[in-house]
Amino acid sequence: MEPLDVAEIISALDSGYWRVHHFNSIDSTQRALVSELTAGRASVGEVYLTEFQSAGRGRAGRRFESEAGQGVLLSAALSPVGQPENRWGWIPLIVGVAACSAIMKITGVHTNLKWPNDVMIDDKKVGGIIAEKVSDHVVIGIGINCLQNQSNLPAENSTSLTIHSSEKVSRELLVINFLTELARSIMEWQIKPFPIENRYRQLSSTLEEEVKLSLPDGSEVLGRAAAISGSGSLILADGQEFVAADVTHLRVK
């Protein structure tokens, strides 16, 4: 494992905005940063970056797994001032836009976004996003598969940037560009939200698809994904609106 060059990352970022803390191993960057922020020992702009998570957290309490040194695994504390709380559902979607922009810039690989929290290459998952509200802040977490080959992918339907890129994937440059894009995107959204929300819609692989929604209560809903609401919810063509669900795209022949 070649560890991240943290000095390169820190020197390239705006220290007035981001403060990066690096861990060789941690149970979960998300759990740790949420805990520290809740206790008042962390503040907006803190970034927890690790080589390995022993209990990485995905959406809805699931585990997010990655071998040491193979991906970008980080959490960051944001303060979404300027937008009412009922629109904060857009934050993980905007994190996805920032991730797609950074991946394209560093690797030339085109990615898309599967609502609500997956970064995809075609129909395979290359990254996942989580967001948690902590008082008037939001802690976002992201994991991106970078250096895995076909033999050590973390899940059956996953992929990595290395598999799709002709160039060596720099995790340092990906972290730098992701955090830079994220800061810019969140600031843009707070002042003038609609352009970046429309960029999300353009990157969405879910909109206009026939989908199956698996809901937290175990039920399922079928329909066509028609729109994203002002709060970041998914709206089906029949008008039903969903805040959270696991989405399966139905390939109709």
C-alpha atoms as a PDB file:
ATOM      1  CA  MET A   1       0.000   0.000   0.000  1.00  0.00           C
ATOM      2  CA  GLU A   2       1.303   3.434  -0.954  1.00  0.00           C
ATOM      3  CA  PRO A   3      -0.123   5.907   1.560  1.00  0.00           C
ATOM      4  CA  LEU A   4      -1.549   9.251   0.542  1.00  0.00           C
ATOM      5  CA  ASP A   5       0.853  12.173   0.342  1.00  0.00           C
ATOM      6  CA  VAL A   6      -1.052  14.278   2.852  1.00  0.00           C
ATOM      7  CA  ALA A   7       1.394  17.193   2.598  1.00  0.00           C
ATOM      8  CA  GLU A   8       0.586  17.494  -1.114  1.00  0.00           C
ATOM      9  CA  ILE A   9      -3.132  17.540  -0.348  1.00  0.00           C
ATOM     10  CA  ILE A  10      -2.927  20.099   2.446  1.00  0.00           C
ATOM     11  CA  SER A  11      -0.629  22.446   0.522  1.00  0.00           C
ATOM     12  CA  ALA A  12      -2.980  22.470  -2.482  1.00  0.00           C
ATOM     13  CA  LEU A  13      -6.155  23.276  -0.539  1.00  0.00           C
ATOM     14  CA  ASP A  14      -7.453  26.564   0.828  1.00  0.00           C
ATOM     15  CA  SER A  15      -6.509  26.253   4.509  1.00  0.00           C
ATOM     16  CA  GLY A  16      -9.079  28.907   5.344  1.00  0.00           C
ATOM     17  CA  TYR A  17     -11.801  26.547   4.156  1.00  0.00           C
ATOM     18  CA  TRP A  18     -10.563  22.960   4.613  1.00  0.00           C
ATOM     19  CA  ARG A  19      -8.538  21.432   7.471  1.00  0.00           C
ATOM     20  CA  VAL A  20      -7.502  17.867   6.688  1.00  0.00           C
ATOM     21  CA  HIS A  21      -6.875  15.205   9.338  1.00  0.00           C
ATOM     22  CA  HIS A  22      -5.354  11.964   8.043  1.00  0.00           C
ATOM     23  CA  PHE A  23      -5.696   8.515   9.626  1.00  0.00           C
ATOM     24  CA  ASN A  24      -3.979   5.293   8.603  1.00  0.00           C
ATOM     25  CA  SER A  25      -6.950   3.418  10.035  1.00  0.00           C
ATOM     26  CA  ILE A  26     -10.205   4.411  11.702  1.00  0.00           C
ATOM     27  CA  ASP A  27     -13.500   2.682  12.355  1.00  0.00           C
ATOM     28  CA  SER A  28     -15.469   5.264  10.339  1.00  0.00           C
ATOM     29  CA  THR A  29     -14.599   8.794   9.255  1.00  0.00           C
ATOM     30  CA  GLN A  30     -18.318   9.575   9.318  1.00  0.00           C
ATOM     31  CA  ARG A  31     -18.918   8.294  12.843  1.00  0.00           C
ATOM     32  CA  ALA A  32     -15.808  10.033  14.146  1.00  0.00           C
ATOM     33  CA  LEU A  33     -16.495  13.415  12.578  1.00  0.00           C
ATOM     34  CA  VAL A  34     -20.181  13.389  13.561  1.00  0.00           C
ATOM     35  CA  SER A  35     -19.142  12.555  17.129  1.00  0.00           C
ATOM     36  CA  GLU A  36     -16.488  15.282  17.297  1.00  0.00           C
ATOM     37  CA  LEU A  37     -18.789  17.877  15.747  1.00  0.00           C
ATOM     38  CA  THR A  38     -21.591  16.974  18.150  1.00  0.00           C
ATOM     39  CA  ALA A  39     -19.196  17.331  21.103  1.00  0.00           C
ATOM     40  CA  GLY A  40     -17.942  20.710  19.888  1.00  0.00           C
ATOM     41  CA  ARG A  41     -14.421  19.423  19.227  1.00  0.00           C
ATOM     42  CA  ALA A  42     -14.686  19.847  15.441  1.00  0.00           C
ATOM     43  CA  SER A  43     -16.036  22.625  13.271  1.00  0.00           C
ATOM     44  CA  VAL A  44     -17.072  23.445   9.722  1.00  0.00           C
ATOM     45  CA  GLY A  45     -14.323  22.722   7.202  1.00  0.00           C
ATOM     46  CA  GLU A  46     -12.886  19.726   9.071  1.00  0.00           C
ATOM     47  CA  VAL A  47     -12.038  16.777   6.812  1.00  0.00           C
ATOM     48  CA  TYR A  48     -11.347  13.257   8.116  1.00  0.00           C
ATOM     49  CA  LEU A  49      -9.418  11.272   5.503  1.00  0.00           C
ATOM     50  CA  THR A  50      -8.325   7.673   5.963  1.00  0.00           C
ATOM     51  CA  GLU A  51      -6.542   4.810   4.232  1.00  0.00           C
ATOM     52  CA  PHE A  52      -8.805   2.178   5.795  1.00  0.00           C
ATOM     53  CA  GLN A  53     -12.114   1.968   7.648  1.00  0.00           C
ATOM     54  CA  SER A  54     -12.860  -1.041   9.825  1.00  0.00           C
ATOM     55  CA  ALA A  55     -16.554  -0.120  10.030  1.00  0.00           C
ATOM     56  CA  GLY A  56     -17.172   2.228   7.120  1.00  0.00           C
ATOM     57  CA  ARG A  57     -20.728   3.528   6.956  1.00  0.00           C
ATOM     58  CA  GLY A  58     -22.933   3.683   3.915  1.00  0.00           C
ATOM     59  CA  ARG A  59     -26.493   4.953   3.611  1.00  0.00           C
ATOM     60  CA  ALA A  60     -29.207   3.448   5.851  1.00  0.00           C
ATOM     61  CA  GLY A  61     -26.664   1.959   8.252  1.00  0.00           C
ATOM     62  CA  ARG A  62     -24.998  -0.297   5.691  1.00  0.00           C
ATOM     63  CA  ARG A  63     -21.267  -1.032   5.676  1.00  0.00           C
ATOM     64  CA  PHE A  64     -18.975   0.539   3.097  1.00  0.00           C
ATOM     65  CA  GLU A  65     -15.923  -1.647   2.485  1.00  0.00           C
ATOM     66  CA  SER A  66     -12.593  -0.944   0.783  1.00  0.00           C
ATOM     67  CA  GLU A  67      -9.124  -2.446   1.122  1.00  0.00           C
ATOM     68  CA  ALA A  68      -6.476  -0.200   2.663  1.00  0.00           C
ATOM     69  CA  GLY A  69      -4.958   2.340   0.305  1.00  0.00           C
ATOM     70  CA  GLN A  70      -7.278   1.520  -2.587  1.00  0.00           C
ATOM     71  CA  GLY A  71      -9.759   4.372  -2.502  1.00  0.00           C
ATOM     72  CA  VAL A  72     -10.667   7.861  -1.387  1.00  0.00           C
ATOM     73  CA  LEU A  73     -12.454   7.629   1.962  1.00  0.00           C
ATOM     74  CA  LEU A  74     -13.350  10.895   3.669  1.00  0.00           C
ATOM     75  CA  SER A  75     -15.931  12.868   5.581  1.00  0.00           C
ATOM     76  CA  ALA A  76     -16.269  16.648   5.707  1.00  0.00           C
ATOM     77  CA  ALA A  77     -18.278  19.112   7.811  1.00  0.00           C
ATOM     78  CA  LEU A  78     -20.344  21.697   5.942  1.00  0.00           C
ATOM     79  CA  SER A  79     -22.506  24.631   6.984  1.00  0.00           C
ATOM     80  CA  PRO A  80     -25.198  25.113   4.325  1.00  0.00           C
ATOM     81  CA  VAL A  81     -26.112  28.670   5.247  1.00  0.00           C
ATOM     82  CA  GLY A  82     -28.252  30.496   2.726  1.00  0.00           C
ATOM     83  CA  GLN A  83     -30.638  27.622   2.022  1.00  0.00           C
ATOM     84  CA  PRO A  84     -33.541  26.577   4.279  1.00  0.00           C
ATOM     85  CA  GLU A  85     -33.287  23.231   6.007  1.00  0.00           C
ATOM     86  CA  ASN A  86     -36.108  21.776   3.922  1.00  0.00           C
ATOM     87  CA  ARG A  87     -33.770  21.985   0.902  1.00  0.00           C
ATOM     88  CA  TRP A  88     -30.804  20.261   2.535  1.00  0.00           C
ATOM     89  CA  GLY A  89     -31.758  17.012   0.830  1.00  0.00           C
ATOM     90  CA  TRP A  90     -29.928  18.472  -2.148  1.00  0.00           C
ATOM     91  CA  ILE A  91     -26.584  18.394  -0.327  1.00  0.00           C
ATOM     92  CA  PRO A  92     -25.651  14.732  -1.007  1.00  0.00           C
ATOM     93  CA  LEU A  93     -26.801  15.217  -4.611  1.00  0.00           C
ATOM     94  CA  ILE A  94     -24.448  18.196  -4.989  1.00  0.00           C
ATOM     95  CA  VAL A  95     -21.657  16.146  -3.414  1.00  0.00           C
ATOM     96  CA  GLY A  96     -22.239  13.745  -6.287  1.00  0.00           C
ATOM     97  CA  VAL A  97     -21.916  16.539  -8.844  1.00  0.00           C
ATOM     98  CA  ALA A  98     -18.593  17.580  -7.266  1.00  0.00           C
ATOM     99  CA  ALA A  99     -17.379  13.972  -7.363  1.00  0.00           C
ATOM    100  CA  CYS A 100     -18.285  13.551 -11.035  1.00  0.00           C
ATOM    101  CA  SER A 101     -16.501  16.794 -11.922  1.00  0.00           C
ATOM    102  CA  ALA A 102     -13.357  15.816 -10.015  1.00  0.00           C
ATOM    103  CA  ILE A 103     -13.269  12.312 -11.505  1.00  0.00           C
ATOM    104  CA  MET A 104     -13.630  13.662 -15.048  1.00  0.00           C
ATOM    105  CA  LYS A 105     -10.886  16.243 -14.498  1.00  0.00           C
ATOM    106  CA  ILE A 106      -8.385  13.786 -13.019  1.00  0.00           C
ATOM    107  CA  THR A 107      -9.094  10.619 -15.008  1.00  0.00           C
ATOM    108  CA  GLY A 108     -11.210  11.588 -18.014  1.00  0.00           C
ATOM    109  CA  VAL A 109     -13.720   8.945 -16.935  1.00  0.00           C
ATOM    110  CA  HIS A 110     -17.380   9.882 -17.357  1.00  0.00           C
ATOM    111  CA  THR A 111     -19.564   9.066 -14.361  1.00  0.00           C
ATOM    112  CA  ASN A 112     -23.261   9.488 -13.671  1.00  0.00           C
ATOM    113  CA  LEU A 113     -25.423   9.679 -10.562  1.00  0.00           C
ATOM    114  CA  LYS A 114     -27.987   7.154  -9.446  1.00  0.00           C
ATOM    115  CA  TRP A 115     -30.442   8.720  -7.016  1.00  0.00           C
ATOM    116  CA  PRO A 116     -29.996   9.142  -4.143  1.00  0.00           C
ATOM    117  CA  ASN A 117     -26.335   8.446  -3.369  1.00  0.00           C
ATOM    118  CA  ASP A 118     -24.422   6.339  -5.897  1.00  0.00           C
ATOM    119  CA  VAL A 119     -21.683   7.439  -8.289  1.00  0.00           C
ATOM    120  CA  MET A 120     -21.804   5.130 -11.283  1.00  0.00           C
ATOM    121  CA  ILE A 121     -19.788   4.176 -14.336  1.00  0.00           C
ATOM    122  CA  ASP A 122     -22.382   2.790 -16.722  1.00  0.00           C
ATOM    123  CA  ASP A 123     -24.351   0.430 -14.456  1.00  0.00           C
ATOM    124  CA  LYS A 124     -21.602  -0.274 -11.918  1.00  0.00           C
ATOM    125  CA  LYS A 125     -21.009   1.570  -8.660  1.00  0.00           C
ATOM    126  CA  VAL A 126     -17.702   3.387  -8.260  1.00  0.00           C
ATOM    127  CA  GLY A 127     -18.627   5.519  -5.244  1.00  0.00           C
ATOM    128  CA  GLY A 128     -21.155   6.133  -2.522  1.00  0.00           C
ATOM    129  CA  ILE A 129     -22.255   9.185  -0.549  1.00  0.00           C
ATOM    130  CA  ILE A 130     -23.791   9.686   2.887  1.00  0.00           C
ATOM    131  CA  ALA A 131     -24.992  12.850   4.625  1.00  0.00           C
ATOM    132  CA  GLU A 132     -26.020  13.446   8.252  1.00  0.00           C
ATOM    133  CA  LYS A 133     -27.434  16.553   9.882  1.00  0.00           C
ATOM    134  CA  VAL A 134     -25.669  17.679  13.067  1.00  0.00           C
ATOM    135  CA  SER A 135     -27.440  20.708  14.537  1.00  0.00           C
ATOM    136  CA  ASP A 136     -27.103  23.431  11.879  1.00  0.00           C
ATOM    137  CA  HIS A 137     -24.309  21.562  10.081  1.00  0.00           C
ATOM    138  CA  VAL A 138     -24.145  18.616   7.680  1.00  0.00           C
ATOM    139  CA  VAL A 139     -21.434  15.954   7.671  1.00  0.00           C
ATOM    140  CA  ILE A 140     -20.985  14.361   4.263  1.00  0.00           C
ATOM    141  CA  GLY A 141     -19.071  11.173   3.631  1.00  0.00           C
ATOM    142  CA  ILE A 142     -17.846   9.746   0.360  1.00  0.00           C
ATOM    143  CA  GLY A 143     -16.030   6.624  -0.725  1.00  0.00           C
ATOM    144  CA  ILE A 144     -14.615   6.268  -4.232  1.00  0.00           C
ATOM    145  CA  ASN A 145     -13.006   3.082  -5.548  1.00  0.00           C
ATOM    146  CA  CYS A 146      -9.742   4.146  -7.157  1.00  0.00           C
ATOM    147  CA  LEU A 147      -7.017   1.502  -7.487  1.00  0.00           C
ATOM    148  CA  GLN A 148      -8.849  -1.824  -7.234  1.00  0.00           C
ATOM    149  CA  ASN A 149      -8.542  -4.319 -10.065  1.00  0.00           C
ATOM    150  CA  GLN A 150     -11.150  -6.902 -11.005  1.00  0.00           C
ATOM    151  CA  SER A 151      -9.922  -9.334  -8.337  1.00  0.00           C
ATOM    152  CA  ASN A 152     -10.303  -7.068  -5.293  1.00  0.00           C
ATOM    153  CA  LEU A 153     -13.430  -5.031  -5.982  1.00  0.00           C
ATOM    154  CA  PRO A 154     -15.485  -4.582  -2.801  1.00  0.00           C
ATOM    155  CA  ALA A 155     -18.815  -5.779  -4.228  1.00  0.00           C
ATOM    156  CA  GLU A 156     -20.185  -7.748  -7.157  1.00  0.00           C
ATOM    157  CA  ASN A 157     -21.725  -4.802  -8.989  1.00  0.00           C
ATOM    158  CA  SER A 158     -18.876  -2.353  -8.327  1.00  0.00           C
ATOM    159  CA  THR A 159     -15.977  -1.022 -10.353  1.00  0.00           C
ATOM    160  CA  SER A 160     -12.992   1.285  -9.906  1.00  0.00           C
ATOM    161  CA  LEU A 161     -11.469   4.252 -11.689  1.00  0.00           C
ATOM    162  CA  THR A 162      -8.322   2.279 -12.544  1.00  0.00           C
ATOM    163  CA  ILE A 163     -10.336  -0.258 -14.522  1.00  0.00           C
ATOM    164  CA  HIS A 164     -11.685   2.523 -16.766  1.00  0.00           C
ATOM    165  CA  SER A 165      -8.716   4.915 -16.938  1.00  0.00           C
ATOM    166  CA  SER A 166      -5.729   4.686 -19.254  1.00  0.00           C
ATOM    167  CA  GLU A 167      -3.683   6.829 -16.838  1.00  0.00           C
ATOM    168  CA  LYS A 168      -2.494   6.090 -13.312  1.00  0.00           C
ATOM    169  CA  VAL A 169      -5.134   7.326 -10.885  1.00  0.00           C
ATOM    170  CA  SER A 170      -3.763   9.807  -8.330  1.00  0.00           C
ATOM    171  CA  ARG A 171      -5.715   9.621  -5.104  1.00  0.00           C
ATOM    172  CA  GLU A 172      -4.086  12.865  -3.966  1.00  0.00           C
ATOM    173  CA  LEU A 173      -5.268  14.801  -7.013  1.00  0.00           C
ATOM    174  CA  LEU A 174      -8.720  13.282  -6.683  1.00  0.00           C
ATOM    175  CA  VAL A 175      -9.010  14.410  -3.040  1.00  0.00           C
ATOM    176  CA  ILE A 176      -7.735  17.905  -3.891  1.00  0.00           C
ATOM    177  CA  ASN A 177     -10.073  18.361  -6.813  1.00  0.00           C
ATOM    178  CA  PHE A 178     -13.068  16.844  -5.071  1.00  0.00           C
ATOM    179  CA  LEU A 179     -12.761  19.137  -2.042  1.00  0.00           C
ATOM    180  CA  THR A 180     -12.126  22.149  -4.285  1.00  0.00           C
ATOM    181  CA  GLU A 181     -15.181  21.325  -6.411  1.00  0.00           C
ATOM    182  CA  LEU A 182     -17.261  20.648  -3.312  1.00  0.00           C
ATOM    183  CA  ALA A 183     -16.457  24.023  -1.737  1.00  0.00           C
ATOM    184  CA  ARG A 184     -17.223  25.817  -4.980  1.00  0.00           C
ATOM    185  CA  SER A 185     -20.406  23.845  -5.617  1.00  0.00           C
ATOM    186  CA  ILE A 186     -21.839  24.350  -2.128  1.00  0.00           C
ATOM    187  CA  MET A 187     -21.111  28.083  -2.225  1.00  0.00           C
ATOM    188  CA  GLU A 188     -22.727  28.342  -5.666  1.00  0.00           C
ATOM    189  CA  TRP A 189     -25.777  26.397  -4.481  1.00  0.00           C
ATOM    190  CA  GLN A 190     -26.216  28.616  -1.434  1.00  0.00           C
ATOM    191  CA  ILE A 191     -26.288  31.764  -3.593  1.00  0.00           C
ATOM    192  CA  LYS A 192     -27.830  30.598  -6.867  1.00  0.00           C
ATOM    193  CA  PRO A 193     -29.012  26.980  -6.568  1.00  0.00           C
ATOM    194  CA  PHE A 194     -30.720  26.240  -9.847  1.00  0.00           C
ATOM    195  CA  PRO A 195     -27.712  25.961 -12.220  1.00  0.00           C
ATOM    196  CA  ILE A 196     -25.974  23.299 -10.131  1.00  0.00           C
ATOM    197  CA  GLU A 197     -29.250  21.510  -9.445  1.00  0.00           C
ATOM    198  CA  ASN A 198     -29.743  21.347 -13.198  1.00  0.00           C
ATOM    199  CA  ARG A 199     -26.212  19.938 -13.572  1.00  0.00           C
ATOM    200  CA  TYR A 200     -27.276  17.170 -11.216  1.00  0.00           C
ATOM    201  CA  ARG A 201     -30.293  16.443 -13.392  1.00  0.00           C
ATOM    202  CA  GLN A 202     -28.050  16.251 -16.459  1.00  0.00           C
ATOM    203  CA  LEU A 203     -25.775  13.738 -14.686  1.00  0.00           C
ATOM    204  CA  SER A 204     -28.673  11.662 -13.354  1.00  0.00           C
ATOM    205  CA  SER A 205     -28.980   8.131 -14.691  1.00  0.00           C
ATOM    206  CA  THR A 206     -32.267   7.707 -12.803  1.00  0.00           C
ATOM    207  CA  LEU A 207     -34.455  10.417 -14.319  1.00  0.00           C
ATOM    208  CA  GLU A 208     -36.705   9.182 -17.140  1.00  0.00           C
ATOM    209  CA  GLU A 209     -35.917   5.556 -16.222  1.00  0.00           C
ATOM    210  CA  GLU A 210     -38.460   2.925 -15.270  1.00  0.00           C
ATOM    211  CA  VAL A 211     -37.495   2.111 -11.700  1.00  0.00           C
ATOM    212  CA  LYS A 212     -38.292  -0.107  -8.753  1.00  0.00           C
ATOM    213  CA  LEU A 213     -38.104   1.643  -5.390  1.00  0.00           C
ATOM    214  CA  SER A 214     -37.437  -0.531  -2.349  1.00  0.00           C
ATOM    215  CA  LEU A 215     -38.668   1.436   0.653  1.00  0.00           C
ATOM    216  CA  PRO A 216     -37.441   1.339   4.266  1.00  0.00           C
ATOM    217  CA  ASP A 217     -40.634  -0.438   5.376  1.00  0.00           C
ATOM    218  CA  GLY A 218     -39.942  -3.330   2.982  1.00  0.00           C
ATOM    219  CA  SER A 219     -42.521  -2.387   0.356  1.00  0.00           C
ATOM    220  CA  GLU A 220     -41.774  -1.781  -3.313  1.00  0.00           C
ATOM    221  CA  VAL A 221     -43.064   0.770  -5.814  1.00  0.00           C
ATOM    222  CA  LEU A 222     -42.733   0.688  -9.602  1.00  0.00           C
ATOM    223  CA  GLY A 223     -42.856   3.755 -11.815  1.00  0.00           C
ATOM    224  CA  ARG A 224     -41.031   6.185 -14.049  1.00  0.00           C
ATOM    225  CA  ALA A 225     -38.615   8.596 -12.379  1.00  0.00           C
ATOM    226  CA  ALA A 226     -39.855  11.973 -13.569  1.00  0.00           C
ATOM    227  CA  ALA A 227     -38.260  14.749 -11.477  1.00  0.00           C
ATOM    228  CA  ILE A 228     -36.217  15.814  -8.475  1.00  0.00           C
ATOM    229  CA  SER A 229     -38.156  18.052  -6.096  1.00  0.00           C
ATOM    230  CA  GLY A 230     -37.038  21.272  -4.448  1.00  0.00           C
ATOM    231  CA  SER A 231     -36.090  19.237  -1.394  1.00  0.00           C
ATOM    232  CA  GLY A 232     -34.064  16.643  -3.331  1.00  0.00           C
ATOM    233  CA  SER A 233     -36.759  13.950  -3.263  1.00  0.00           C
ATOM    234  CA  LEU A 234     -37.505  11.693  -6.210  1.00  0.00           C
ATOM    235  CA  ILE A 235     -40.877  12.234  -7.902  1.00  0.00           C
ATOM    236  CA  LEU A 236     -42.445   9.526 -10.027  1.00  0.00           C
ATOM    237  CA  ALA A 237     -44.579  10.234 -13.077  1.00  0.00           C
ATOM    238  CA  ASP A 238     -47.743   9.469 -11.088  1.00  0.00           C
ATOM    239  CA  GLY A 239     -46.860  12.209  -8.585  1.00  0.00           C
ATOM    240  CA  GLN A 240     -45.624  10.009  -5.729  1.00  0.00           C
ATOM    241  CA  GLU A 241     -42.636  11.557  -3.936  1.00  0.00           C
ATOM    242  CA  PHE A 242     -39.923   9.683  -2.040  1.00  0.00           C
ATOM    243  CA  VAL A 243     -37.296  11.014   0.350  1.00  0.00           C
ATOM    244  CA  ALA A 244     -35.333   7.754   0.615  1.00  0.00           C
ATOM    245  CA  ALA A 245     -35.332   4.440  -1.223  1.00  0.00           C
ATOM    246  CA  ASP A 246     -33.084   1.902  -2.862  1.00  0.00           C
ATOM    247  CA  VAL A 247     -33.471   2.321  -6.617  1.00  0.00           C
ATOM    248  CA  THR A 248     -33.261  -0.415  -9.240  1.00  0.00           C
ATOM    249  CA  HIS A 249     -33.271   0.679 -12.856  1.00  0.00           C
ATOM    250  CA  LEU A 250     -35.521  -1.616 -14.876  1.00  0.00           C
ATOM    251  CA  ARG A 251     -34.160  -2.428 -18.299  1.00  0.00           C
ATOM    252  CA  VAL A 252     -37.219  -2.845 -20.484  1.00  0.00           C
ATOM    253  CA  LYS A 253     -36.502  -4.583 -23.776  1.00  0.00           C
END
